[in-house]
Amino acid sequence: MVKNGLTGGEMVGIGATVAALGAAAYILLGKDAKKNKKVIKGWVIKMKGEIIDKLEDAKEITEPVYHNIIDTVSTKYSKIKKVDPKDLEIAVAEVKKHWNTMMKDAKPKKKAKAKK
């Protein structure tokens, strides 16, 4: 059934995009943004971009899928010589810990009930 002119697949795609953009925004603009920007290196930004791309392509985003995507992308970066394993571990942990925050931001806000 189509509601508001969007199919179920389109709505899932929009939800995935919102979640991916929420993750990126939180990492770069959230409460720890100053600290994150200081330690961010070019490969970290590239890695996070790849994670966001894969999240946008995912049909459904659940916590296991989210962590699997991060692990898959981080495995690729673990094979690059210029990537310090400690920095990679920190970057992966940072991205993984934002699952709950992303889900809070992605849920529609409840409207306050009008008092009679």
N, C-alpha and C. Protein backbone atom coordinates (compact mmCIF):
# COMPACT_ATOMS: atom_id res chain seq x y z
N MET A 1 0.84 -1.19 0.00
CA MET A 1 0.00 0.00 0.00
C MET A 1 0.88 1.25 0.00
N VAL A 2 0.55 2.19 -0.80
CA VAL A 2 1.33 3.40 -0.92
C VAL A 2 0.67 4.50 -0.09
N LYS A 3 1.45 5.10 0.81
CA LYS A 3 0.97 6.23 1.60
C LYS A 3 1.85 7.42 1.30
N ASN A 4 1.27 8.55 1.14
CA ASN A 4 2.01 9.79 0.87
C ASN A 4 2.89 9.67 -0.37
N GLY A 5 2.54 8.80 -1.31
CA GLY A 5 3.29 8.69 -2.55
C GLY A 5 4.60 7.94 -2.43
N LEU A 6 4.87 7.28 -1.31
CA LEU A 6 6.12 6.54 -1.13
C LEU A 6 5.82 5.06 -0.97
N THR A 7 6.61 4.22 -1.63
CA THR A 7 6.47 2.78 -1.45
C THR A 7 7.21 2.38 -0.19
N GLY A 8 7.01 1.15 0.25
CA GLY A 8 7.69 0.66 1.45
C GLY A 8 9.21 0.71 1.28
N GLY A 9 9.68 0.34 0.09
CA GLY A 9 11.13 0.36 -0.18
C GLY A 9 11.70 1.76 -0.11
N GLU A 10 10.95 2.72 -0.63
CA GLU A 10 11.42 4.11 -0.59
C GLU A 10 11.47 4.62 0.84
N MET A 11 10.47 4.23 1.64
CA MET A 11 10.45 4.67 3.03
C MET A 11 11.62 4.07 3.80
N VAL A 12 11.95 2.80 3.52
CA VAL A 12 13.10 2.16 4.16
C VAL A 12 14.38 2.87 3.75
N GLY A 13 14.47 3.21 2.46
CA GLY A 13 15.65 3.92 1.97
C GLY A 13 15.81 5.28 2.63
N ILE A 14 14.71 5.97 2.81
CA ILE A 14 14.76 7.27 3.48
C ILE A 14 15.17 7.10 4.92
N GLY A 15 14.64 6.07 5.59
CA GLY A 15 15.01 5.80 6.98
C GLY A 15 16.48 5.48 7.11
N ALA A 16 17.01 4.69 6.17
CA ALA A 16 18.44 4.34 6.20
C ALA A 16 19.30 5.58 6.00
N THR A 17 18.88 6.44 5.09
CA THR A 17 19.63 7.67 4.84
C THR A 17 19.63 8.57 6.07
N VAL A 18 18.48 8.69 6.70
CA VAL A 18 18.38 9.51 7.91
C VAL A 18 19.31 8.96 8.99
N ALA A 19 19.31 7.64 9.16
CA ALA A 19 20.17 7.02 10.18
C ALA A 19 21.64 7.26 9.86
N ALA A 20 22.01 7.11 8.59
CA ALA A 20 23.40 7.30 8.19
C ALA A 20 23.85 8.74 8.39
N LEU A 21 23.01 9.67 7.97
CA LEU A 21 23.36 11.08 8.13
C LEU A 21 23.38 11.46 9.61
N GLY A 22 22.50 10.86 10.39
CA GLY A 22 22.49 11.10 11.83
C GLY A 22 23.80 10.66 12.47
N ALA A 23 24.30 9.52 12.03
CA ALA A 23 25.57 9.02 12.56
C ALA A 23 26.70 9.98 12.23
N ALA A 24 26.76 10.39 10.99
CA ALA A 24 27.82 11.31 10.57
C ALA A 24 27.73 12.64 11.31
N ALA A 25 26.53 13.15 11.40
CA ALA A 25 26.35 14.43 12.09
C ALA A 25 26.72 14.33 13.56
N TYR A 26 26.32 13.25 14.20
CA TYR A 26 26.62 13.11 15.62
C TYR A 26 28.13 13.04 15.85
N ILE A 27 28.83 12.31 15.00
CA ILE A 27 30.28 12.17 15.15
C ILE A 27 30.98 13.50 14.94
N LEU A 28 30.55 14.26 13.94
CA LEU A 28 31.23 15.51 13.61
C LEU A 28 30.64 16.73 14.30
N LEU A 29 29.39 16.63 14.76
CA LEU A 29 28.75 17.80 15.34
C LEU A 29 28.22 17.57 16.76
N GLY A 30 28.30 16.35 17.27
CA GLY A 30 27.74 16.01 18.57
C GLY A 30 28.52 16.59 19.74
N LYS A 31 28.21 16.09 20.93
CA LYS A 31 28.79 16.67 22.14
C LYS A 31 30.31 16.50 22.22
N ASP A 32 30.87 15.47 21.56
CA ASP A 32 32.31 15.26 21.57
C ASP A 32 32.96 15.72 20.26
N ALA A 33 32.28 16.56 19.52
CA ALA A 33 32.74 16.96 18.19
C ALA A 33 34.13 17.59 18.21
N LYS A 34 34.39 18.45 19.19
CA LYS A 34 35.69 19.11 19.26
C LYS A 34 36.81 18.08 19.39
N LYS A 35 36.61 17.14 20.29
CA LYS A 35 37.59 16.08 20.51
C LYS A 35 37.72 15.22 19.26
N ASN A 36 36.58 14.88 18.64
CA ASN A 36 36.59 14.03 17.45
C ASN A 36 37.33 14.70 16.30
N LYS A 37 37.11 15.99 16.10
CA LYS A 37 37.75 16.70 15.00
C LYS A 37 39.26 16.79 15.19
N LYS A 38 39.72 16.84 16.43
CA LYS A 38 41.16 16.93 16.69
C LYS A 38 41.87 15.65 16.29
N VAL A 39 41.25 14.51 16.56
CA VAL A 39 41.92 13.24 16.29
C VAL A 39 41.57 12.65 14.93
N ILE A 40 40.67 13.27 14.21
CA ILE A 40 40.24 12.73 12.92
C ILE A 40 41.38 12.84 11.92
N LYS A 41 41.56 11.78 11.19
CA LYS A 41 42.57 11.75 10.14
C LYS A 41 41.84 11.48 8.83
N GLY A 42 42.50 11.72 7.73
CA GLY A 42 41.85 11.56 6.43
C GLY A 42 41.24 10.19 6.22
N TRP A 43 41.96 9.13 6.60
CA TRP A 43 41.43 7.79 6.39
C TRP A 43 40.20 7.53 7.27
N VAL A 44 40.12 8.19 8.42
CA VAL A 44 38.96 8.00 9.29
C VAL A 44 37.72 8.58 8.61
N ILE A 45 37.87 9.74 8.01
CA ILE A 45 36.75 10.37 7.32
C ILE A 45 36.32 9.49 6.14
N LYS A 46 37.30 8.95 5.41
CA LYS A 46 36.99 8.07 4.29
C LYS A 46 36.25 6.82 4.77
N MET A 47 36.73 6.24 5.87
CA MET A 47 36.12 5.04 6.41
C MET A 47 34.68 5.31 6.83
N LYS A 48 34.46 6.43 7.52
CA LYS A 48 33.11 6.78 7.96
C LYS A 48 32.21 7.04 6.76
N GLY A 49 32.77 7.62 5.70
CA GLY A 49 32.00 7.84 4.48
C GLY A 49 31.57 6.52 3.85
N GLU A 50 32.47 5.54 3.85
CA GLU A 50 32.13 4.23 3.31
C GLU A 50 31.06 3.56 4.16
N ILE A 51 31.16 3.72 5.47
CA ILE A 51 30.14 3.16 6.37
C ILE A 51 28.79 3.79 6.06
N ILE A 52 28.77 5.10 5.89
CA ILE A 52 27.52 5.80 5.58
C ILE A 52 26.95 5.32 4.24
N ASP A 53 27.81 5.13 3.23
CA ASP A 53 27.34 4.64 1.94
C ASP A 53 26.70 3.26 2.08
N LYS A 54 27.34 2.39 2.85
CA LYS A 54 26.80 1.04 3.03
C LYS A 54 25.50 1.08 3.83
N LEU A 55 25.40 1.99 4.78
CA LEU A 55 24.16 2.12 5.54
C LEU A 55 23.02 2.60 4.65
N GLU A 56 23.35 3.51 3.73
CA GLU A 56 22.33 4.00 2.80
C GLU A 56 21.85 2.90 1.88
N ASP A 57 22.75 1.96 1.52
CA ASP A 57 22.39 0.87 0.61
C ASP A 57 21.66 -0.27 1.32
N ALA A 58 21.77 -0.33 2.64
CA ALA A 58 21.13 -1.41 3.40
C ALA A 58 19.61 -1.29 3.32
N LYS A 59 18.95 -2.43 3.18
CA LYS A 59 17.49 -2.43 3.09
C LYS A 59 16.87 -2.22 4.46
N GLU A 60 17.50 -2.77 5.47
CA GLU A 60 17.00 -2.64 6.83
C GLU A 60 18.21 -2.46 7.74
N ILE A 61 18.13 -1.53 8.65
CA ILE A 61 19.24 -1.28 9.56
C ILE A 61 18.83 -1.69 10.96
N THR A 62 19.51 -2.72 11.45
CA THR A 62 19.35 -3.15 12.82
C THR A 62 20.72 -3.04 13.46
N GLU A 63 20.79 -3.20 14.76
CA GLU A 63 22.07 -3.07 15.44
C GLU A 63 23.09 -4.09 14.92
N PRO A 64 22.72 -5.39 14.75
CA PRO A 64 23.71 -6.33 14.20
C PRO A 64 24.18 -5.95 12.79
N VAL A 65 23.25 -5.48 11.96
CA VAL A 65 23.62 -5.06 10.60
C VAL A 65 24.56 -3.86 10.68
N TYR A 66 24.25 -2.91 11.53
CA TYR A 66 25.08 -1.72 11.73
C TYR A 66 26.50 -2.12 12.13
N HIS A 67 26.62 -3.00 13.12
CA HIS A 67 27.95 -3.43 13.58
C HIS A 67 28.67 -4.26 12.51
N ASN A 68 27.94 -5.06 11.76
CA ASN A 68 28.54 -5.86 10.69
C ASN A 68 29.12 -4.96 9.60
N ILE A 69 28.39 -3.92 9.23
CA ILE A 69 28.88 -2.98 8.22
C ILE A 69 30.15 -2.31 8.71
N ILE A 70 30.17 -1.89 9.95
CA ILE A 70 31.36 -1.23 10.50
C ILE A 70 32.54 -2.19 10.51
N ASP A 71 32.30 -3.43 10.93
CA ASP A 71 33.38 -4.43 10.97
C ASP A 71 33.92 -4.73 9.58
N THR A 72 33.03 -4.82 8.59
CA THR A 72 33.45 -5.10 7.21
C THR A 72 34.34 -3.98 6.68
N VAL A 73 33.91 -2.75 6.87
CA VAL A 73 34.70 -1.61 6.38
C VAL A 73 36.01 -1.49 7.15
N SER A 74 35.98 -1.70 8.46
CA SER A 74 37.21 -1.56 9.26
C SER A 74 38.23 -2.64 8.91
N THR A 75 37.77 -3.83 8.48
CA THR A 75 38.69 -4.89 8.07
C THR A 75 39.51 -4.42 6.86
N LYS A 76 38.85 -3.73 5.96
CA LYS A 76 39.55 -3.19 4.78
C LYS A 76 40.64 -2.21 5.22
N TYR A 77 40.32 -1.35 6.17
CA TYR A 77 41.28 -0.34 6.62
C TYR A 77 42.38 -0.93 7.49
N SER A 78 42.16 -2.09 8.09
CA SER A 78 43.19 -2.71 8.91
C SER A 78 44.34 -3.23 8.06
N LYS A 79 44.11 -3.39 6.76
CA LYS A 79 45.14 -3.90 5.85
C LYS A 79 46.00 -2.79 5.24
N ILE A 80 45.65 -1.54 5.51
CA ILE A 80 46.40 -0.41 4.96
C ILE A 80 47.55 -0.09 5.91
N LYS A 81 48.75 0.06 5.35
CA LYS A 81 49.95 0.26 6.16
C LYS A 81 49.94 1.54 6.97
N LYS A 82 49.44 2.62 6.41
CA LYS A 82 49.52 3.91 7.10
C LYS A 82 48.49 4.05 8.23
N VAL A 83 47.60 3.07 8.36
CA VAL A 83 46.56 3.12 9.39
C VAL A 83 47.09 2.45 10.66
N ASP A 84 47.19 3.24 11.72
CA ASP A 84 47.63 2.73 13.01
C ASP A 84 46.52 1.87 13.61
N PRO A 85 46.81 0.62 13.98
CA PRO A 85 45.76 -0.25 14.54
C PRO A 85 45.06 0.34 15.77
N LYS A 86 45.79 1.09 16.59
CA LYS A 86 45.18 1.71 17.77
C LYS A 86 44.17 2.78 17.35
N ASP A 87 44.55 3.59 16.36
CA ASP A 87 43.64 4.63 15.86
C ASP A 87 42.41 4.00 15.22
N LEU A 88 42.61 2.89 14.50
CA LEU A 88 41.49 2.20 13.89
C LEU A 88 40.54 1.66 14.96
N GLU A 89 41.10 1.09 15.99
CA GLU A 89 40.28 0.55 17.09
C GLU A 89 39.45 1.65 17.75
N ILE A 90 40.07 2.80 17.96
CA ILE A 90 39.37 3.94 18.57
C ILE A 90 38.25 4.44 17.65
N ALA A 91 38.55 4.56 16.35
CA ALA A 91 37.55 5.04 15.39
C ALA A 91 36.36 4.09 15.31
N VAL A 92 36.64 2.78 15.29
CA VAL A 92 35.57 1.79 15.21
C VAL A 92 34.71 1.84 16.47
N ALA A 93 35.34 1.90 17.61
CA ALA A 93 34.60 1.98 18.88
C ALA A 93 33.74 3.23 18.92
N GLU A 94 34.26 4.33 18.44
CA GLU A 94 33.53 5.60 18.42
C GLU A 94 32.28 5.50 17.57
N VAL A 95 32.40 4.91 16.38
CA VAL A 95 31.25 4.79 15.49
C VAL A 95 30.22 3.82 16.06
N LYS A 96 30.69 2.71 16.61
CA LYS A 96 29.78 1.69 17.14
C LYS A 96 28.96 2.20 18.33
N LYS A 97 29.54 3.05 19.14
CA LYS A 97 28.83 3.48 20.35
C LYS A 97 27.69 4.46 20.06
N HIS A 98 27.56 4.90 18.83
CA HIS A 98 26.53 5.87 18.49
C HIS A 98 25.21 5.24 18.02
N TRP A 99 25.10 3.92 18.09
CA TRP A 99 23.87 3.24 17.65
C TRP A 99 22.65 3.77 18.41
N ASN A 100 22.71 3.76 19.74
CA ASN A 100 21.55 4.18 20.53
C ASN A 100 21.19 5.64 20.28
N THR A 101 22.18 6.49 20.15
CA THR A 101 21.93 7.90 19.89
C THR A 101 21.25 8.08 18.54
N MET A 102 21.72 7.34 17.56
CA MET A 102 21.12 7.43 16.22
C MET A 102 19.67 7.00 16.25
N MET A 103 19.38 5.94 16.97
CA MET A 103 18.00 5.45 17.01
C MET A 103 17.08 6.44 17.74
N LYS A 104 17.60 7.10 18.76
CA LYS A 104 16.80 8.13 19.45
C LYS A 104 16.50 9.27 18.49
N ASP A 105 17.51 9.68 17.71
CA ASP A 105 17.33 10.79 16.78
C ASP A 105 16.44 10.42 15.60
N ALA A 106 16.43 9.15 15.21
CA ALA A 106 15.66 8.72 14.04
C ALA A 106 14.19 8.54 14.35
N LYS A 107 13.85 8.29 15.62
CA LYS A 107 12.45 8.08 15.99
C LYS A 107 11.71 9.41 15.96
N PRO A 108 10.47 9.37 15.47
CA PRO A 108 9.70 10.62 15.47
C PRO A 108 9.41 11.07 16.90
N LYS A 109 9.45 12.35 17.10
CA LYS A 109 9.20 12.91 18.42
C LYS A 109 7.71 12.84 18.71
N LYS A 110 7.38 12.54 19.96
CA LYS A 110 5.97 12.50 20.35
C LYS A 110 5.46 13.92 20.53
N LYS A 111 4.27 14.14 20.04
CA LYS A 111 3.66 15.45 20.18
C LYS A 111 3.01 15.56 21.55
N ALA A 112 3.14 16.69 22.15
CA ALA A 112 2.52 16.92 23.46
C ALA A 112 1.01 16.96 23.28
N LYS A 113 0.32 16.32 24.20
CA LYS A 113 -1.14 16.31 24.13
C LYS A 113 -1.68 17.65 24.61
N ALA A 114 -2.70 18.11 23.93
CA ALA A 114 -3.31 19.38 24.29
C ALA A 114 -4.11 19.19 25.59
N LYS A 115 -3.96 20.11 26.50
CA LYS A 115 -4.71 20.05 27.75
C LYS A 115 -6.08 20.65 27.53
N LYS A 116 -7.06 20.01 28.17
CA LYS A 116 -8.44 20.51 28.03
C LYS A 116 -8.81 21.40 29.17
